Amino acid sequence: MVNLPSVSSAEVLRVLRKAGFIDAPHRGKGSHVALYHGDKHGRKNLVIVPKRSTLPKGTLLAILNQAGLTRTEFIRLLKE
């Protein structure tokens, strides 16, 4: 199993955008950012990322699970 690095929400957002996620329309100020990704069946996969300088490991794992990314895919996109 690949160990996840300590990352900020800005880095996670950058990786998700590289993976094809798009910013959801803003609904005012807030401490979270919403991104979505449409699939071939017209469904949207919504992922919420809290704005933090460092995300806890459990939060990062939950985001990756919701996004459908593996740890290895995440690290590969992070290094690009």
C-alpha atoms as a PDB file:
ATOM      1  CA  MET A   1       0.000   0.000   0.000  1.00  0.00           C
ATOM      2  CA  VAL A   2       1.315   3.430  -0.966  1.00  0.00           C
ATOM      3  CA  ASN A   3       1.758   6.010   1.789  1.00  0.00           C
ATOM      4  CA  LEU A   4       0.011   9.291   1.114  1.00  0.00           C
ATOM      5  CA  PRO A   5       1.998  12.515   1.468  1.00  0.00           C
ATOM      6  CA  SER A   6       0.798  15.398   3.595  1.00  0.00           C
ATOM      7  CA  VAL A   7      -0.984  17.758   1.179  1.00  0.00           C
ATOM      8  CA  SER A   8      -2.940  21.002   1.237  1.00  0.00           C
ATOM      9  CA  SER A   9      -6.401  21.490  -0.175  1.00  0.00           C
ATOM     10  CA  ALA A  10      -4.896  23.540  -3.039  1.00  0.00           C
ATOM     11  CA  GLU A  11      -2.801  20.535  -4.091  1.00  0.00           C
ATOM     12  CA  VAL A  12      -5.810  18.211  -3.904  1.00  0.00           C
ATOM     13  CA  LEU A  13      -7.869  20.625  -6.008  1.00  0.00           C
ATOM     14  CA  ARG A  14      -5.076  20.780  -8.609  1.00  0.00           C
ATOM     15  CA  VAL A  15      -4.964  16.968  -8.819  1.00  0.00           C
ATOM     16  CA  LEU A  16      -8.749  16.661  -9.104  1.00  0.00           C
ATOM     17  CA  ARG A  17      -8.815  19.241 -11.904  1.00  0.00           C
ATOM     18  CA  LYS A  18      -6.107  17.257 -13.727  1.00  0.00           C
ATOM     19  CA  ALA A  19      -8.326  14.176 -13.336  1.00  0.00           C
ATOM     20  CA  GLY A  20     -11.154  15.967 -15.159  1.00  0.00           C
ATOM     21  CA  PHE A  21     -13.151  17.502 -12.311  1.00  0.00           C
ATOM     22  CA  ILE A  22     -14.740  20.923 -12.860  1.00  0.00           C
ATOM     23  CA  ASP A  23     -15.546  23.587 -10.271  1.00  0.00           C
ATOM     24  CA  ALA A  24     -19.215  23.579  -9.320  1.00  0.00           C
ATOM     25  CA  PRO A  25     -20.988  26.956  -9.415  1.00  0.00           C
ATOM     26  CA  HIS A  26     -20.161  29.067  -6.362  1.00  0.00           C
ATOM     27  CA  ARG A  27     -22.924  29.596  -3.855  1.00  0.00           C
ATOM     28  CA  GLY A  28     -21.373  32.374  -1.813  1.00  0.00           C
ATOM     29  CA  LYS A  29     -18.413  32.389   0.514  1.00  0.00           C
ATOM     30  CA  GLY A  30     -17.459  29.248   2.307  1.00  0.00           C
ATOM     31  CA  SER A  31     -14.787  27.027   3.751  1.00  0.00           C
ATOM     32  CA  HIS A  32     -15.283  24.231   1.196  1.00  0.00           C
ATOM     33  CA  VAL A  33     -14.903  23.875  -2.579  1.00  0.00           C
ATOM     34  CA  ALA A  34     -17.209  21.680  -4.647  1.00  0.00           C
ATOM     35  CA  LEU A  35     -16.063  19.958  -7.842  1.00  0.00           C
ATOM     36  CA  TYR A  36     -17.925  17.581 -10.115  1.00  0.00           C
ATOM     37  CA  HIS A  37     -17.160  15.146 -12.896  1.00  0.00           C
ATOM     38  CA  GLY A  38     -19.745  13.873 -15.360  1.00  0.00           C
ATOM     39  CA  ASP A  39     -19.685  10.254 -16.502  1.00  0.00           C
ATOM     40  CA  LYS A  40     -20.806   8.726 -19.796  1.00  0.00           C
ATOM     41  CA  HIS A  41     -24.294   8.045 -18.397  1.00  0.00           C
ATOM     42  CA  GLY A  42     -24.936  11.714 -17.604  1.00  0.00           C
ATOM     43  CA  ARG A  43     -24.484  11.322 -13.857  1.00  0.00           C
ATOM     44  CA  LYS A  44     -22.385  13.826 -11.922  1.00  0.00           C
ATOM     45  CA  ASN A  45     -19.903  12.773  -9.266  1.00  0.00           C
ATOM     46  CA  LEU A  46     -19.682  15.565  -6.666  1.00  0.00           C
ATOM     47  CA  VAL A  47     -16.633  15.907  -4.417  1.00  0.00           C
ATOM     48  CA  ILE A  48     -16.357  18.426  -1.569  1.00  0.00           C
ATOM     49  CA  VAL A  49     -12.873  19.591  -0.488  1.00  0.00           C
ATOM     50  CA  PRO A  50     -12.405  21.648   2.698  1.00  0.00           C
ATOM     51  CA  LYS A  51     -10.042  24.629   2.440  1.00  0.00           C
ATOM     52  CA  ARG A  52      -7.158  23.737   4.765  1.00  0.00           C
ATOM     53  CA  SER A  53      -3.406  24.215   4.817  1.00  0.00           C
ATOM     54  CA  THR A  54      -2.986  20.487   5.506  1.00  0.00           C
ATOM     55  CA  LEU A  55      -5.724  17.890   5.056  1.00  0.00           C
ATOM     56  CA  PRO A  56      -5.977  15.062   7.600  1.00  0.00           C
ATOM     57  CA  LYS A  57      -5.224  11.607   6.144  1.00  0.00           C
ATOM     58  CA  GLY A  58      -8.774  10.361   6.742  1.00  0.00           C
ATOM     59  CA  THR A  59     -10.262  13.359   4.942  1.00  0.00           C
ATOM     60  CA  LEU A  60      -7.889  12.851   2.015  1.00  0.00           C
ATOM     61  CA  LEU A  61      -8.809   9.159   1.805  1.00  0.00           C
ATOM     62  CA  ALA A  62     -12.520  10.031   1.829  1.00  0.00           C
ATOM     63  CA  ILE A  63     -11.997  12.570  -0.979  1.00  0.00           C
ATOM     64  CA  LEU A  64     -10.079  10.007  -3.058  1.00  0.00           C
ATOM     65  CA  ASN A  65     -12.818   7.434  -2.469  1.00  0.00           C
ATOM     66  CA  GLN A  66     -15.546   9.878  -3.544  1.00  0.00           C
ATOM     67  CA  ALA A  67     -13.514  10.869  -6.612  1.00  0.00           C
ATOM     68  CA  GLY A  68     -12.856   7.260  -7.583  1.00  0.00           C
ATOM     69  CA  LEU A  69      -9.067   7.705  -7.520  1.00  0.00           C
ATOM     70  CA  THR A  70      -6.595   5.216  -6.102  1.00  0.00           C
ATOM     71  CA  ARG A  71      -3.659   6.278  -3.951  1.00  0.00           C
ATOM     72  CA  THR A  72      -1.271   5.453  -6.792  1.00  0.00           C
ATOM     73  CA  GLU A  73      -3.248   7.529  -9.317  1.00  0.00           C
ATOM     74  CA  PHE A  74      -3.376  10.440  -6.879  1.00  0.00           C
ATOM     75  CA  ILE A  75       0.388  10.401  -6.293  1.00  0.00           C
ATOM     76  CA  ARG A  76       1.085  10.122 -10.032  1.00  0.00           C
ATOM     77  CA  LEU A  77      -1.127  13.152 -10.761  1.00  0.00           C
ATOM     78  CA  LEU A  78       0.408  15.032  -7.835  1.00  0.00           C
ATOM     79  CA  LYS A  79       3.913  14.592  -9.284  1.00  0.00           C
ATOM     80  CA  GLU A  80       2.936  15.739 -12.801  1.00  0.00           C
END
